[in-house]
Amino acid sequence: MRQFDQPGVCVVCLDPSLTVQQANREFFRQFEDSSTDVWGRDFCDLVHPSVQQALRRQFTRLVDGTRHRFSAHAALVGAQGSAFTSALTAVAVREGSSHVASILVVLRPTAGGGEVDMVTNRKKIVTEIEARILEGIAAGLSTVPLASRLYLSRQGVEYHVTRLLRKLRVPNRAALVSRAYSMGVLNVGSWPPKVVEDFVK
């Protein structure tokens, strides 16, 4: 894969079960040059939990022949839990007319590149009730409908909203939702909004 050894560009070859078979130096560098930590692993296990489900659906379409390629935004969890974002392009490499022999994945750093502030260590940052409130806010619900849905008082909802604002260090509900998505706490590509279970106490 030497032809792909360009600064910042990661190239990975997966088998049809999405297991990492080969990768270039730049990809291994993201994992502290430890090929043993990456080879033989499911590629989606290297992806941040907030985008795993959406990426797995796209890869399934490649393998079953519904699509030949796709592009997506991806966040991978590299060495020591650091997250890095990339523009991902995946192409199915076929043997003959239908059988998918492998999948070639190219990851290019996104504008602004580098590491991002995402929760990557499966830290339990929200309680079950806070998760349901965050999902409701992200779906556009105000205090009264949330209180009714969750069998809480208005004051109870406001109490938990205030706790969420403090935890995520944001000034208002719009910023709360934006921050939750940017940190990977809310699942990308799902509606209604859903908190990634890995982060619920």
N, C-alpha and C. Protein backbone atom coordinates (compact mmCIF):
# COMPACT_ATOMS: atom_id res chain seq x y z
N MET A 1 0.82 -1.20 0.00
CA MET A 1 0.00 0.00 0.00
C MET A 1 0.86 1.26 0.00
N ARG A 2 2.08 1.16 -0.46
CA ARG A 2 2.97 2.32 -0.41
C ARG A 2 2.47 3.49 -1.23
N GLN A 3 1.76 3.20 -2.33
CA GLN A 3 1.26 4.29 -3.17
C GLN A 3 0.29 5.19 -2.43
N PHE A 4 -0.26 4.71 -1.29
CA PHE A 4 -1.21 5.50 -0.52
C PHE A 4 -0.57 6.20 0.67
N ASP A 5 0.74 6.08 0.84
CA ASP A 5 1.41 6.69 1.98
C ASP A 5 1.58 8.19 1.77
N GLN A 6 0.48 8.90 1.88
CA GLN A 6 0.48 10.36 1.79
C GLN A 6 0.18 10.91 3.16
N PRO A 7 0.76 12.05 3.53
CA PRO A 7 0.51 12.61 4.86
C PRO A 7 -0.98 12.82 5.13
N GLY A 8 -1.44 12.29 6.23
CA GLY A 8 -2.82 12.50 6.65
C GLY A 8 -3.85 11.57 6.06
N VAL A 9 -3.52 10.87 4.96
CA VAL A 9 -4.49 9.99 4.31
C VAL A 9 -4.32 8.56 4.82
N CYS A 10 -5.39 8.02 5.36
CA CYS A 10 -5.39 6.63 5.85
C CYS A 10 -6.09 5.74 4.83
N VAL A 11 -5.52 4.59 4.57
CA VAL A 11 -6.12 3.63 3.65
C VAL A 11 -6.19 2.28 4.35
N VAL A 12 -7.35 1.66 4.28
CA VAL A 12 -7.57 0.38 4.96
C VAL A 12 -8.26 -0.57 3.99
N CYS A 13 -7.83 -1.82 4.00
CA CYS A 13 -8.48 -2.86 3.20
C CYS A 13 -9.21 -3.80 4.15
N LEU A 14 -10.50 -3.97 3.92
CA LEU A 14 -11.34 -4.83 4.77
C LEU A 14 -11.81 -6.04 3.97
N ASP A 15 -12.05 -7.14 4.65
CA ASP A 15 -12.70 -8.26 3.98
C ASP A 15 -14.21 -8.03 4.05
N PRO A 16 -15.03 -8.86 3.40
CA PRO A 16 -16.48 -8.62 3.38
C PRO A 16 -17.14 -8.62 4.77
N SER A 17 -16.48 -9.20 5.77
CA SER A 17 -17.04 -9.16 7.13
C SER A 17 -16.59 -7.91 7.88
N LEU A 18 -15.92 -6.99 7.17
CA LEU A 18 -15.44 -5.70 7.69
C LEU A 18 -14.24 -5.84 8.63
N THR A 19 -13.53 -6.95 8.54
CA THR A 19 -12.32 -7.15 9.33
C THR A 19 -11.14 -6.48 8.64
N VAL A 20 -10.31 -5.77 9.41
CA VAL A 20 -9.14 -5.08 8.87
C VAL A 20 -8.12 -6.12 8.41
N GLN A 21 -7.77 -6.09 7.11
CA GLN A 21 -6.79 -7.01 6.54
C GLN A 21 -5.44 -6.33 6.31
N GLN A 22 -5.48 -5.09 5.84
CA GLN A 22 -4.26 -4.31 5.57
C GLN A 22 -4.56 -2.85 5.82
N ALA A 23 -3.51 -2.08 6.07
CA ALA A 23 -3.66 -0.64 6.22
C ALA A 23 -2.31 0.02 5.96
N ASN A 24 -2.34 1.31 5.63
CA ASN A 24 -1.08 2.01 5.39
C ASN A 24 -0.51 2.55 6.70
N ARG A 25 0.72 3.08 6.62
CA ARG A 25 1.41 3.57 7.82
C ARG A 25 0.64 4.66 8.55
N GLU A 26 0.01 5.54 7.77
CA GLU A 26 -0.71 6.67 8.38
C GLU A 26 -1.85 6.18 9.27
N PHE A 27 -2.53 5.13 8.83
CA PHE A 27 -3.60 4.57 9.65
C PHE A 27 -3.05 3.99 10.94
N PHE A 28 -1.97 3.21 10.83
CA PHE A 28 -1.36 2.64 12.03
C PHE A 28 -0.83 3.72 12.97
N ARG A 29 -0.37 4.84 12.41
CA ARG A 29 0.14 5.94 13.24
C ARG A 29 -0.95 6.46 14.18
N GLN A 30 -2.20 6.45 13.70
CA GLN A 30 -3.32 6.90 14.54
C GLN A 30 -3.51 5.97 15.74
N PHE A 31 -2.99 4.75 15.62
CA PHE A 31 -3.10 3.78 16.70
C PHE A 31 -1.73 3.48 17.31
N GLU A 32 -0.87 4.49 17.29
CA GLU A 32 0.50 4.41 17.85
C GLU A 32 1.30 3.28 17.21
N ASP A 33 1.17 3.16 15.88
CA ASP A 33 1.95 2.19 15.10
C ASP A 33 1.78 0.75 15.54
N SER A 34 0.70 0.46 16.23
CA SER A 34 0.50 -0.91 16.72
C SER A 34 -0.44 -1.66 15.79
N SER A 35 0.12 -2.35 14.83
CA SER A 35 -0.72 -3.11 13.89
C SER A 35 -1.46 -4.22 14.61
N THR A 36 -0.89 -4.75 15.71
CA THR A 36 -1.56 -5.83 16.43
C THR A 36 -2.86 -5.35 17.08
N ASP A 37 -2.96 -4.04 17.37
CA ASP A 37 -4.20 -3.50 17.95
C ASP A 37 -5.30 -3.34 16.90
N VAL A 38 -4.93 -3.39 15.63
CA VAL A 38 -5.88 -3.08 14.55
C VAL A 38 -6.16 -4.28 13.65
N TRP A 39 -5.14 -5.02 13.25
CA TRP A 39 -5.33 -6.16 12.35
C TRP A 39 -6.29 -7.17 12.95
N GLY A 40 -7.20 -7.65 12.11
CA GLY A 40 -8.14 -8.67 12.54
C GLY A 40 -9.33 -8.14 13.31
N ARG A 41 -9.39 -6.83 13.52
CA ARG A 41 -10.53 -6.26 14.24
C ARG A 41 -11.61 -5.81 13.27
N ASP A 42 -12.83 -5.77 13.74
CA ASP A 42 -13.94 -5.23 12.96
C ASP A 42 -13.73 -3.73 12.83
N PHE A 43 -13.74 -3.22 11.61
CA PHE A 43 -13.49 -1.80 11.39
C PHE A 43 -14.45 -0.93 12.19
N CYS A 44 -15.70 -1.35 12.30
CA CYS A 44 -16.69 -0.55 13.03
C CYS A 44 -16.39 -0.45 14.52
N ASP A 45 -15.59 -1.39 15.05
CA ASP A 45 -15.17 -1.29 16.45
C ASP A 45 -14.17 -0.16 16.66
N LEU A 46 -13.55 0.31 15.58
CA LEU A 46 -12.58 1.40 15.67
C LEU A 46 -13.26 2.76 15.50
N VAL A 47 -14.55 2.72 15.19
CA VAL A 47 -15.31 3.93 14.93
C VAL A 47 -16.03 4.36 16.21
N HIS A 48 -16.20 5.65 16.37
CA HIS A 48 -16.88 6.16 17.56
C HIS A 48 -18.31 5.60 17.61
N PRO A 49 -18.80 5.23 18.80
CA PRO A 49 -20.14 4.62 18.92
C PRO A 49 -21.26 5.45 18.31
N SER A 50 -21.12 6.76 18.27
CA SER A 50 -22.19 7.61 17.75
C SER A 50 -22.41 7.43 16.25
N VAL A 51 -21.41 6.92 15.52
CA VAL A 51 -21.57 6.75 14.07
C VAL A 51 -21.50 5.29 13.63
N GLN A 52 -21.31 4.36 14.57
CA GLN A 52 -21.19 2.95 14.21
C GLN A 52 -22.39 2.42 13.46
N GLN A 53 -23.59 2.69 13.97
CA GLN A 53 -24.80 2.13 13.38
C GLN A 53 -25.00 2.62 11.94
N ALA A 54 -24.82 3.92 11.72
CA ALA A 54 -25.00 4.48 10.38
C ALA A 54 -23.95 3.93 9.41
N LEU A 55 -22.70 3.81 9.85
CA LEU A 55 -21.65 3.28 8.97
C LEU A 55 -21.88 1.81 8.66
N ARG A 56 -22.29 1.05 9.67
CA ARG A 56 -22.53 -0.38 9.44
C ARG A 56 -23.62 -0.58 8.39
N ARG A 57 -24.66 0.26 8.41
CA ARG A 57 -25.72 0.17 7.38
C ARG A 57 -25.14 0.41 5.99
N GLN A 58 -24.27 1.42 5.87
CA GLN A 58 -23.66 1.73 4.57
C GLN A 58 -22.79 0.57 4.08
N PHE A 59 -21.98 0.00 5.00
CA PHE A 59 -21.13 -1.12 4.61
C PHE A 59 -21.97 -2.33 4.19
N THR A 60 -23.09 -2.56 4.86
CA THR A 60 -23.97 -3.68 4.51
C THR A 60 -24.46 -3.52 3.08
N ARG A 61 -24.79 -2.30 2.69
CA ARG A 61 -25.24 -2.06 1.31
C ARG A 61 -24.13 -2.32 0.29
N LEU A 62 -22.88 -2.05 0.69
CA LEU A 62 -21.76 -2.36 -0.22
C LEU A 62 -21.64 -3.87 -0.40
N VAL A 63 -21.68 -4.60 0.69
CA VAL A 63 -21.47 -6.04 0.65
C VAL A 63 -22.61 -6.75 -0.09
N ASP A 64 -23.86 -6.28 0.11
CA ASP A 64 -24.98 -6.95 -0.55
C ASP A 64 -25.19 -6.49 -1.99
N GLY A 65 -24.37 -5.56 -2.46
CA GLY A 65 -24.43 -5.13 -3.86
C GLY A 65 -25.40 -4.00 -4.15
N THR A 66 -26.08 -3.48 -3.13
CA THR A 66 -27.01 -2.37 -3.32
C THR A 66 -26.27 -1.12 -3.76
N ARG A 67 -25.05 -0.96 -3.26
CA ARG A 67 -24.21 0.20 -3.63
C ARG A 67 -22.83 -0.31 -4.02
N HIS A 68 -22.13 0.53 -4.78
CA HIS A 68 -20.76 0.18 -5.17
C HIS A 68 -19.74 0.99 -4.37
N ARG A 69 -20.18 2.14 -3.86
CA ARG A 69 -19.31 3.00 -3.05
C ARG A 69 -20.16 3.93 -2.23
N PHE A 70 -19.59 4.51 -1.20
CA PHE A 70 -20.27 5.55 -0.44
C PHE A 70 -19.25 6.46 0.22
N SER A 71 -19.69 7.65 0.54
CA SER A 71 -18.87 8.61 1.27
C SER A 71 -19.64 9.04 2.50
N ALA A 72 -18.92 9.25 3.59
CA ALA A 72 -19.56 9.63 4.84
C ALA A 72 -18.56 10.36 5.72
N HIS A 73 -19.08 11.01 6.73
CA HIS A 73 -18.24 11.62 7.76
C HIS A 73 -18.03 10.55 8.82
N ALA A 74 -16.80 10.38 9.29
CA ALA A 74 -16.54 9.35 10.30
C ALA A 74 -15.66 9.90 11.41
N ALA A 75 -15.86 9.37 12.58
CA ALA A 75 -14.99 9.68 13.72
C ALA A 75 -14.45 8.35 14.23
N LEU A 76 -13.13 8.22 14.22
CA LEU A 76 -12.50 7.01 14.71
C LEU A 76 -11.85 7.28 16.05
N VAL A 77 -11.74 6.24 16.85
CA VAL A 77 -11.12 6.37 18.16
C VAL A 77 -9.73 5.75 18.07
N GLY A 78 -8.72 6.62 18.11
CA GLY A 78 -7.33 6.19 17.95
C GLY A 78 -6.67 5.84 19.25
N ALA A 79 -5.36 6.06 19.29
CA ALA A 79 -4.55 5.73 20.45
C ALA A 79 -5.01 6.49 21.69
N GLN A 80 -5.00 5.81 22.80
CA GLN A 80 -5.33 6.38 24.10
C GLN A 80 -6.67 7.11 24.12
N GLY A 81 -7.61 6.62 23.31
CA GLY A 81 -8.96 7.16 23.33
C GLY A 81 -9.15 8.47 22.61
N SER A 82 -8.14 8.94 21.86
CA SER A 82 -8.30 10.21 21.14
C SER A 82 -9.14 9.98 19.89
N ALA A 83 -10.07 10.88 19.64
CA ALA A 83 -10.94 10.75 18.46
C ALA A 83 -10.41 11.64 17.35
N PHE A 84 -10.48 11.15 16.11
CA PHE A 84 -10.11 11.98 14.97
C PHE A 84 -11.18 11.82 13.90
N THR A 85 -11.51 12.94 13.24
CA THR A 85 -12.57 12.92 12.23
C THR A 85 -11.97 12.85 10.83
N SER A 86 -12.70 12.21 9.96
CA SER A 86 -12.24 12.03 8.58
C SER A 86 -13.42 12.01 7.63
N ALA A 87 -13.12 12.35 6.39
CA ALA A 87 -14.07 12.12 5.31
C ALA A 87 -13.76 10.71 4.81
N LEU A 88 -14.72 9.81 4.94
CA LEU A 88 -14.51 8.41 4.61
C LEU A 88 -15.13 8.11 3.25
N THR A 89 -14.37 7.41 2.40
CA THR A 89 -14.89 6.89 1.14
C THR A 89 -14.62 5.40 1.13
N ALA A 90 -15.64 4.60 0.88
CA ALA A 90 -15.49 3.15 0.83
C ALA A 90 -15.95 2.65 -0.54
N VAL A 91 -15.16 1.74 -1.12
CA VAL A 91 -15.44 1.20 -2.45
C VAL A 91 -15.39 -0.32 -2.37
N ALA A 92 -16.41 -0.97 -2.93
CA ALA A 92 -16.41 -2.43 -2.98
C ALA A 92 -15.53 -2.90 -4.13
N VAL A 93 -14.61 -3.82 -3.83
CA VAL A 93 -13.74 -4.41 -4.85
C VAL A 93 -14.33 -5.79 -5.16
N ARG A 94 -14.74 -5.98 -6.40
CA ARG A 94 -15.48 -7.19 -6.76
C ARG A 94 -14.63 -8.18 -7.56
N GLU A 95 -14.93 -9.45 -7.33
CA GLU A 95 -14.39 -10.53 -8.16
C GLU A 95 -15.52 -10.93 -9.09
N GLY A 96 -15.31 -10.82 -10.36
CA GLY A 96 -16.39 -11.12 -11.29
C GLY A 96 -17.45 -10.04 -11.23
N SER A 97 -18.68 -10.42 -11.49
CA SER A 97 -19.75 -9.41 -11.59
C SER A 97 -20.45 -9.12 -10.27
N SER A 98 -20.39 -10.05 -9.30
CA SER A 98 -21.20 -9.80 -8.12
C SER A 98 -20.46 -9.97 -6.79
N HIS A 99 -19.58 -10.94 -6.67
CA HIS A 99 -18.96 -11.26 -5.38
C HIS A 99 -18.02 -10.14 -4.91
N VAL A 100 -18.25 -9.65 -3.70
CA VAL A 100 -17.38 -8.62 -3.11
C VAL A 100 -16.18 -9.33 -2.48
N ALA A 101 -14.98 -9.05 -3.01
CA ALA A 101 -13.77 -9.68 -2.49
C ALA A 101 -13.22 -8.90 -1.30
N SER A 102 -13.30 -7.57 -1.38
CA SER A 102 -12.79 -6.73 -0.30
C SER A 102 -13.41 -5.34 -0.41
N ILE A 103 -13.15 -4.54 0.60
CA ILE A 103 -13.63 -3.15 0.62
C ILE A 103 -12.44 -2.26 0.89
N LEU A 104 -12.24 -1.29 0.04
CA LEU A 104 -11.15 -0.33 0.21
C LEU A 104 -11.72 0.93 0.86
N VAL A 105 -11.13 1.34 1.98
CA VAL A 105 -11.60 2.51 2.71
C VAL A 105 -10.49 3.56 2.71
N VAL A 106 -10.82 4.77 2.29
CA VAL A 106 -9.87 5.88 2.31
C VAL A 106 -10.41 6.93 3.27
N LEU A 107 -9.57 7.34 4.21
CA LEU A 107 -9.94 8.33 5.21
C LEU A 107 -9.07 9.57 5.02
N ARG A 108 -9.72 10.68 4.70
CA ARG A 108 -8.98 11.95 4.55
C ARG A 108 -9.37 12.87 5.67
N PRO A 109 -8.38 13.56 6.29
CA PRO A 109 -8.71 14.46 7.40
C PRO A 109 -9.69 15.53 6.96
N THR A 110 -10.64 15.86 7.83
CA THR A 110 -11.60 16.91 7.51
C THR A 110 -10.99 18.27 7.80
N ALA A 111 -11.61 19.32 7.25
CA ALA A 111 -11.12 20.68 7.47
C ALA A 111 -11.04 20.95 8.96
N GLY A 112 -9.96 21.51 9.37
CA GLY A 112 -9.76 21.75 10.79
C GLY A 112 -9.06 20.57 11.43
N GLY A 113 -9.14 19.41 10.76
CA GLY A 113 -8.47 18.17 11.11
C GLY A 113 -8.11 17.95 12.56
N GLY A 114 -7.31 16.96 12.77
CA GLY A 114 -6.79 16.68 14.09
C GLY A 114 -7.81 16.06 15.03
N GLU A 115 -7.43 16.05 16.28
CA GLU A 115 -8.27 15.42 17.29
C GLU A 115 -9.46 16.30 17.62
N VAL A 116 -10.54 15.68 18.03
CA VAL A 116 -11.75 16.41 18.39
C VAL A 116 -12.16 16.05 19.80
N ASP A 117 -12.98 16.90 20.39
CA ASP A 117 -13.42 16.72 21.77
C ASP A 117 -14.65 15.83 21.79
N MET A 118 -14.42 14.52 21.78
CA MET A 118 -15.52 13.56 21.86
C MET A 118 -15.30 12.69 23.07
N VAL A 119 -16.38 12.18 23.61
CA VAL A 119 -16.28 11.24 24.72
C VAL A 119 -15.93 9.89 24.10
N THR A 120 -14.71 9.41 24.36
CA THR A 120 -14.26 8.19 23.69
C THR A 120 -13.99 7.03 24.62
N ASN A 121 -13.99 7.28 25.91
CA ASN A 121 -13.59 6.21 26.83
C ASN A 121 -14.77 5.52 27.49
N ARG A 122 -15.92 5.54 26.83
CA ARG A 122 -17.13 4.90 27.34
C ARG A 122 -17.49 5.42 28.73
N LYS A 123 -17.14 6.68 29.00
CA LYS A 123 -17.42 7.29 30.28
C LYS A 123 -18.93 7.45 30.44
N LYS A 124 -19.45 7.02 31.55
CA LYS A 124 -20.88 7.13 31.82
C LYS A 124 -21.15 8.57 32.28
N ILE A 125 -21.59 9.43 31.36
CA ILE A 125 -21.72 10.84 31.71
C ILE A 125 -23.14 11.30 32.00
N VAL A 126 -24.14 10.51 31.62
CA VAL A 126 -25.52 10.91 31.90
C VAL A 126 -26.27 9.78 32.57
N THR A 127 -27.23 10.15 33.42
CA THR A 127 -28.09 9.14 34.03
C THR A 127 -29.17 8.74 33.03
N GLU A 128 -29.92 7.72 33.35
CA GLU A 128 -31.00 7.26 32.47
C GLU A 128 -32.02 8.37 32.22
N ILE A 129 -32.43 9.07 33.27
CA ILE A 129 -33.43 10.13 33.11
C ILE A 129 -32.86 11.31 32.32
N GLU A 130 -31.58 11.63 32.55
CA GLU A 130 -30.95 12.71 31.78
C GLU A 130 -30.86 12.34 30.30
N ALA A 131 -30.61 11.08 30.02
CA ALA A 131 -30.55 10.62 28.63
C ALA A 131 -31.90 10.81 27.95
N ARG A 132 -33.01 10.43 28.64
CA ARG A 132 -34.34 10.58 28.05
C ARG A 132 -34.68 12.07 27.85
N ILE A 133 -34.27 12.92 28.80
CA ILE A 133 -34.51 14.37 28.66
C ILE A 133 -33.71 14.93 27.50
N LEU A 134 -32.45 14.54 27.38
CA LEU A 134 -31.62 15.01 26.27
C LEU A 134 -32.21 14.59 24.93
N GLU A 135 -32.70 13.35 24.85
CA GLU A 135 -33.34 12.88 23.61
C GLU A 135 -34.57 13.71 23.30
N GLY A 136 -35.37 14.02 24.32
CA GLY A 136 -36.57 14.83 24.12
C GLY A 136 -36.24 16.23 23.65
N ILE A 137 -35.24 16.86 24.27
CA ILE A 137 -34.83 18.20 23.85
C ILE A 137 -34.34 18.18 22.41
N ALA A 138 -33.54 17.15 22.07
CA ALA A 138 -33.03 17.04 20.69
C ALA A 138 -34.15 16.82 19.69
N ALA A 139 -35.27 16.23 20.15
CA ALA A 139 -36.43 16.01 19.27
C ALA A 139 -37.34 17.23 19.21
N GLY A 140 -37.00 18.29 19.98
CA GLY A 140 -37.77 19.52 19.92
C GLY A 140 -38.84 19.67 20.97
N LEU A 141 -38.87 18.79 21.97
CA LEU A 141 -39.90 18.88 23.01
C LEU A 141 -39.55 19.96 24.02
N SER A 142 -40.57 20.66 24.49
CA SER A 142 -40.38 21.66 25.53
C SER A 142 -40.62 21.01 26.90
N THR A 143 -40.55 21.81 27.94
CA THR A 143 -40.62 21.28 29.31
C THR A 143 -41.91 20.53 29.62
N VAL A 144 -43.06 21.10 29.27
CA VAL A 144 -44.33 20.48 29.64
C VAL A 144 -44.52 19.11 28.98
N PRO A 145 -44.33 18.98 27.66
CA PRO A 145 -44.46 17.64 27.06
C PRO A 145 -43.44 16.65 27.62
N LEU A 146 -42.22 17.12 27.92
CA LEU A 146 -41.21 16.24 28.51
C LEU A 146 -41.66 15.75 29.88
N ALA A 147 -42.17 16.67 30.68
CA ALA A 147 -42.65 16.32 32.03
C ALA A 147 -43.76 15.27 31.94
N SER A 148 -44.68 15.46 31.00
CA SER A 148 -45.79 14.53 30.84
C SER A 148 -45.29 13.16 30.39
N ARG A 149 -44.39 13.14 29.43
CA ARG A 149 -43.86 11.90 28.88
C ARG A 149 -43.06 11.10 29.92
N LEU A 150 -42.31 11.81 30.76
CA LEU A 150 -41.41 11.15 31.71
C LEU A 150 -41.97 11.06 33.12
N TYR A 151 -43.25 11.47 33.29
CA TYR A 151 -43.90 11.44 34.60
C TYR A 151 -43.11 12.22 35.66
N LEU A 152 -42.67 13.41 35.26
CA LEU A 152 -41.95 14.30 36.17
C LEU A 152 -42.73 15.60 36.29
N SER A 153 -42.41 16.39 37.30
CA SER A 153 -42.97 17.74 37.39
C SER A 153 -42.17 18.65 36.45
N ARG A 154 -42.70 19.82 36.16
CA ARG A 154 -41.96 20.80 35.35
C ARG A 154 -40.64 21.14 36.02
N GLN A 155 -40.69 21.30 37.35
CA GLN A 155 -39.49 21.64 38.09
C GLN A 155 -38.45 20.50 38.02
N GLY A 156 -38.95 19.26 38.01
CA GLY A 156 -38.05 18.11 37.89
C GLY A 156 -37.32 18.11 36.56
N VAL A 157 -38.06 18.41 35.49
CA VAL A 157 -37.43 18.49 34.17
C VAL A 157 -36.40 19.61 34.15
N GLU A 158 -36.78 20.78 34.65
CA GLU A 158 -35.85 21.93 34.66
C GLU A 158 -34.60 21.62 35.48
N TYR A 159 -34.76 20.90 36.58
CA TYR A 159 -33.61 20.51 37.40
C TYR A 159 -32.63 19.68 36.58
N HIS A 160 -33.14 18.66 35.87
CA HIS A 160 -32.27 17.79 35.08
C HIS A 160 -31.67 18.53 33.88
N VAL A 161 -32.44 19.44 33.28
CA VAL A 161 -31.90 20.24 32.17
C VAL A 161 -30.73 21.08 32.67
N THR A 162 -30.89 21.70 33.83
CA THR A 162 -29.81 22.52 34.40
C THR A 162 -28.58 21.67 34.67
N ARG A 163 -28.77 20.45 35.18
CA ARG A 163 -27.63 19.54 35.40
C ARG A 163 -26.92 19.20 34.08
N LEU A 164 -27.71 18.96 33.02
CA LEU A 164 -27.12 18.66 31.72
C LEU A 164 -26.34 19.86 31.18
N LEU A 165 -26.91 21.05 31.34
CA LEU A 165 -26.21 22.26 30.87
C LEU A 165 -24.87 22.41 31.58
N ARG A 166 -24.84 22.12 32.86
CA ARG A 166 -23.59 22.22 33.63
C ARG A 166 -22.60 21.13 33.21
N LYS A 167 -23.09 19.91 33.06
CA LYS A 167 -22.21 18.79 32.70
C LYS A 167 -21.52 19.03 31.36
N LEU A 168 -22.29 19.53 30.40
CA LEU A 168 -21.73 19.73 29.07
C LEU A 168 -21.19 21.15 28.87
N ARG A 169 -21.27 21.95 29.92
CA ARG A 169 -20.72 23.32 29.93
C ARG A 169 -21.22 24.16 28.76
N VAL A 170 -22.55 24.26 28.68
CA VAL A 170 -23.18 25.06 27.63
C VAL A 170 -24.23 25.98 28.24
N PRO A 171 -24.61 27.10 27.55
CA PRO A 171 -25.51 28.09 28.13
C PRO A 171 -27.00 27.83 27.93
N ASN A 172 -27.38 27.02 26.90
CA ASN A 172 -28.81 26.86 26.61
C ASN A 172 -29.09 25.51 25.94
N ARG A 173 -30.38 25.25 25.69
CA ARG A 173 -30.78 23.95 25.15
C ARG A 173 -30.25 23.70 23.73
N ALA A 174 -30.25 24.72 22.90
CA ALA A 174 -29.74 24.54 21.53
C ALA A 174 -28.27 24.15 21.57
N ALA A 175 -27.51 24.84 22.41
CA ALA A 175 -26.08 24.52 22.55
C ALA A 175 -25.90 23.12 23.16
N LEU A 176 -26.81 22.73 24.04
CA LEU A 176 -26.75 21.41 24.66
C LEU A 176 -26.85 20.31 23.60
N VAL A 177 -27.81 20.44 22.71
CA VAL A 177 -27.99 19.44 21.65
C VAL A 177 -26.78 19.43 20.71
N SER A 178 -26.33 20.61 20.33
CA SER A 178 -25.18 20.72 19.44
C SER A 178 -23.94 20.09 20.07
N ARG A 179 -23.72 20.39 21.34
CA ARG A 179 -22.55 19.85 22.05
C ARG A 179 -22.66 18.33 22.19
N ALA A 180 -23.86 17.83 22.49
CA ALA A 180 -24.06 16.39 22.64
C ALA A 180 -23.74 15.65 21.33
N TYR A 181 -24.16 16.23 20.19
CA TYR A 181 -23.83 15.62 18.90
C TYR A 181 -22.34 15.69 18.64
N SER A 182 -21.73 16.85 18.91
CA SER A 182 -20.30 17.01 18.61
C SER A 182 -19.44 16.11 19.48
N MET A 183 -19.89 15.81 20.68
CA MET A 183 -19.14 14.92 21.58
C MET A 183 -19.41 13.45 21.29
N GLY A 184 -20.42 13.18 20.47
CA GLY A 184 -20.75 11.80 20.14
C GLY A 184 -21.68 11.13 21.13
N VAL A 185 -22.31 11.93 22.00
CA VAL A 185 -23.22 11.37 23.00
C VAL A 185 -24.55 11.00 22.35
N LEU A 186 -24.98 11.77 21.34
CA LEU A 186 -26.20 11.45 20.59
C LEU A 186 -25.81 10.69 19.32
N ASN A 187 -26.57 9.66 19.02
CA ASN A 187 -26.32 8.82 17.85
C ASN A 187 -26.52 9.61 16.56
N VAL A 188 -25.56 9.51 15.66
CA VAL A 188 -25.68 10.18 14.36
C VAL A 188 -26.53 9.30 13.44
N GLY A 189 -27.43 9.90 12.70
CA GLY A 189 -28.21 9.17 11.70
C GLY A 189 -29.40 8.41 12.25
N SER A 190 -29.86 8.77 13.46
CA SER A 190 -31.06 8.09 13.97
C SER A 190 -32.13 9.12 14.34
N TRP A 191 -33.38 8.78 14.08
CA TRP A 191 -34.51 9.62 14.48
C TRP A 191 -35.59 8.71 15.01
N PRO A 192 -36.19 8.99 16.12
CA PRO A 192 -35.93 10.14 16.98
C PRO A 192 -34.53 10.06 17.59
N PRO A 193 -34.00 11.20 18.07
CA PRO A 193 -32.65 11.21 18.62
C PRO A 193 -32.49 10.19 19.74
N LYS A 194 -31.32 9.58 19.79
CA LYS A 194 -31.05 8.53 20.77
C LYS A 194 -29.66 8.72 21.35
N VAL A 195 -29.57 8.70 22.68
CA VAL A 195 -28.28 8.77 23.36
C VAL A 195 -27.59 7.42 23.20
N VAL A 196 -26.29 7.45 22.89
CA VAL A 196 -25.51 6.22 22.78
C VAL A 196 -25.46 5.55 24.15
N GLU A 197 -25.92 4.31 24.22
CA GLU A 197 -26.07 3.63 25.51
C GLU A 197 -24.77 3.52 26.29
N ASP A 198 -23.63 3.52 25.59
CA ASP A 198 -22.33 3.42 26.28
C ASP A 198 -22.11 4.54 27.28
N PHE A 199 -22.82 5.66 27.12
CA PHE A 199 -22.58 6.82 27.96
C PHE A 199 -23.64 7.02 29.03
N VAL A 200 -24.54 6.03 29.19
CA VAL A 200 -25.60 6.14 30.19
C VAL A 200 -25.21 5.33 31.43
N LYS A 201 -25.32 5.97 32.60
CA LYS A 201 -24.97 5.30 33.87
C LYS A 201 -25.95 4.20 34.18
